[in-house]
C-alpha atoms as a PDB file:
ATOM      1  CA  MET A   1       4.935 -19.314   1.562  1.00  0.00           C
ATOM      2  CA  PRO A   2       5.975 -16.144   3.040  1.00  0.00           C
ATOM      3  CA  TRP A   3       4.205 -14.875   6.099  1.00  0.00           C
ATOM      4  CA  GLN A   4       1.268 -12.784   5.160  1.00  0.00           C
ATOM      5  CA  PRO A   5      -0.099 -10.132   7.837  1.00  0.00           C
ATOM      6  CA  ASP A   6      -3.899 -10.266   8.816  1.00  0.00           C
ATOM      7  CA  PRO A   7      -6.008  -8.098   6.569  1.00  0.00           C
ATOM      8  CA  PRO A   8      -6.559  -4.648   7.917  1.00  0.00           C
ATOM      9  CA  SER A   9      -9.891  -3.600   9.558  1.00  0.00           C
ATOM     10  CA  GLY A  10     -11.880  -0.955   7.769  1.00  0.00           C
ATOM     11  CA  ASN A  11     -10.659   1.646  10.011  1.00  0.00           C
ATOM     12  CA  GLU A  12      -7.052   0.721   9.495  1.00  0.00           C
ATOM     13  CA  GLU A  13      -7.527   0.551   5.590  1.00  0.00           C
ATOM     14  CA  GLN A  14      -8.951   4.098   5.563  1.00  0.00           C
ATOM     15  CA  ALA A  15      -6.291   5.473   7.779  1.00  0.00           C
ATOM     16  CA  VAL A  16      -3.466   3.935   5.623  1.00  0.00           C
ATOM     17  CA  ALA A  17      -5.024   5.205   2.440  1.00  0.00           C
ATOM     18  CA  ARG A  18      -5.409   8.886   3.845  1.00  0.00           C
ATOM     19  CA  HIS A  19      -1.839   8.848   5.002  1.00  0.00           C
ATOM     20  CA  MET A  20      -0.533   7.703   1.552  1.00  0.00           C
ATOM     21  CA  ARG A  21      -2.604  10.273  -0.123  1.00  0.00           C
ATOM     22  CA  ALA A  22      -1.514  12.997   2.318  1.00  0.00           C
ATOM     23  CA  GLU A  23       2.321  12.099   2.257  1.00  0.00           C
ATOM     24  CA  TYR A  24       2.790  10.747  -1.150  1.00  0.00           C
ATOM     25  CA  GLY A  25      -0.042  12.051  -3.249  1.00  0.00           C
ATOM     26  CA  VAL A  26      -1.192   8.566  -4.191  1.00  0.00           C
ATOM     27  CA  ILE A  27      -4.391   6.756  -4.060  1.00  0.00           C
ATOM     28  CA  ALA A  28      -3.769   3.507  -2.313  1.00  0.00           C
ATOM     29  CA  TRP A  29      -5.940   0.678  -1.319  1.00  0.00           C
ATOM     30  CA  TYR A  30      -5.952  -2.825   0.112  1.00  0.00           C
ATOM     31  CA  GLY A  31      -6.632  -5.685  -2.257  1.00  0.00           C
ATOM     32  CA  HIS A  32      -8.709  -8.228  -0.285  1.00  0.00           C
ATOM     33  CA  ALA A  33      -8.183 -10.745  -3.013  1.00  0.00           C
ATOM     34  CA  THR A  34      -4.562 -10.253  -3.265  1.00  0.00           C
ATOM     35  CA  GLY A  35      -3.570  -9.515   0.227  1.00  0.00           C
ATOM     36  CA  ARG A  36      -1.478  -6.650  -0.805  1.00  0.00           C
ATOM     37  CA  TRP A  37      -1.474  -2.899  -0.806  1.00  0.00           C
ATOM     38  CA  TRP A  38      -1.827  -1.143  -4.250  1.00  0.00           C
ATOM     39  CA  PRO A  39      -1.145   2.437  -5.284  1.00  0.00           C
ATOM     40  CA  MET A  40      -0.340   4.068  -8.602  1.00  0.00           C
ATOM     41  CA  GLN A  41       2.854   5.802  -8.693  1.00  0.00           C
ATOM     42  CA  ALA A  42       4.387   7.703 -11.837  1.00  0.00           C
ATOM     43  CA  GLY A  43       1.598   5.880 -13.927  1.00  0.00           C
ATOM     44  CA  GLN A  44       2.837   2.461 -12.724  1.00  0.00           C
ATOM     45  CA  LEU A  45       0.915   0.130 -10.474  1.00  0.00           C
ATOM     46  CA  VAL A  46       2.752  -0.691  -7.386  1.00  0.00           C
ATOM     47  CA  ASP A  47       2.276  -3.433  -4.768  1.00  0.00           C
ATOM     48  CA  ALA A  48       3.404  -4.094  -1.160  1.00  0.00           C
ATOM     49  CA  ARG A  49       2.777  -6.629   1.420  1.00  0.00           C
ATOM     50  CA  THR A  50       2.339  -4.134   4.471  1.00  0.00           C
ATOM     51  CA  PRO A  51       2.052  -0.614   4.998  1.00  0.00           C
ATOM     52  CA  ASP A  52       5.616  -0.110   6.079  1.00  0.00           C
ATOM     53  CA  ASP A  53       6.739  -1.881   2.711  1.00  0.00           C
ATOM     54  CA  LEU A  54       4.445   0.487   1.025  1.00  0.00           C
ATOM     55  CA  ARG A  55       6.051   3.544   2.506  1.00  0.00           C
ATOM     56  CA  ASN A  56       9.562   2.301   1.871  1.00  0.00           C
ATOM     57  CA  THR A  57       8.462   1.645  -1.843  1.00  0.00           C
ATOM     58  CA  LEU A  58       7.034   5.076  -2.229  1.00  0.00           C
ATOM     59  CA  SER A  59       9.619   6.919  -0.533  1.00  0.00           C
ATOM     60  CA  GLY A  60      12.450   5.155  -2.579  1.00  0.00           C
ATOM     61  CA  GLY A  61      10.635   5.161  -5.838  1.00  0.00           C
ATOM     62  CA  ARG A  62      11.290   1.392  -6.093  1.00  0.00           C
ATOM     63  CA  LEU A  63       8.786  -0.436  -8.239  1.00  0.00           C
ATOM     64  CA  HIS A  64       8.039  -4.120  -7.929  1.00  0.00           C
END
């Protein structure tokens, strides 16, 4: 099983969500049941393991 980062604290989760909204115009959230970050981009649900992975996905337009 691949390494999974620890879940973010409430403050970290809010900070990442605010940053994603400001920089990429998406609403993003952390799925506590899935352990993944989720935003909607171009009408598609996208997921990423870490905030850095999420930034890479959103900036490159790659959908998983």
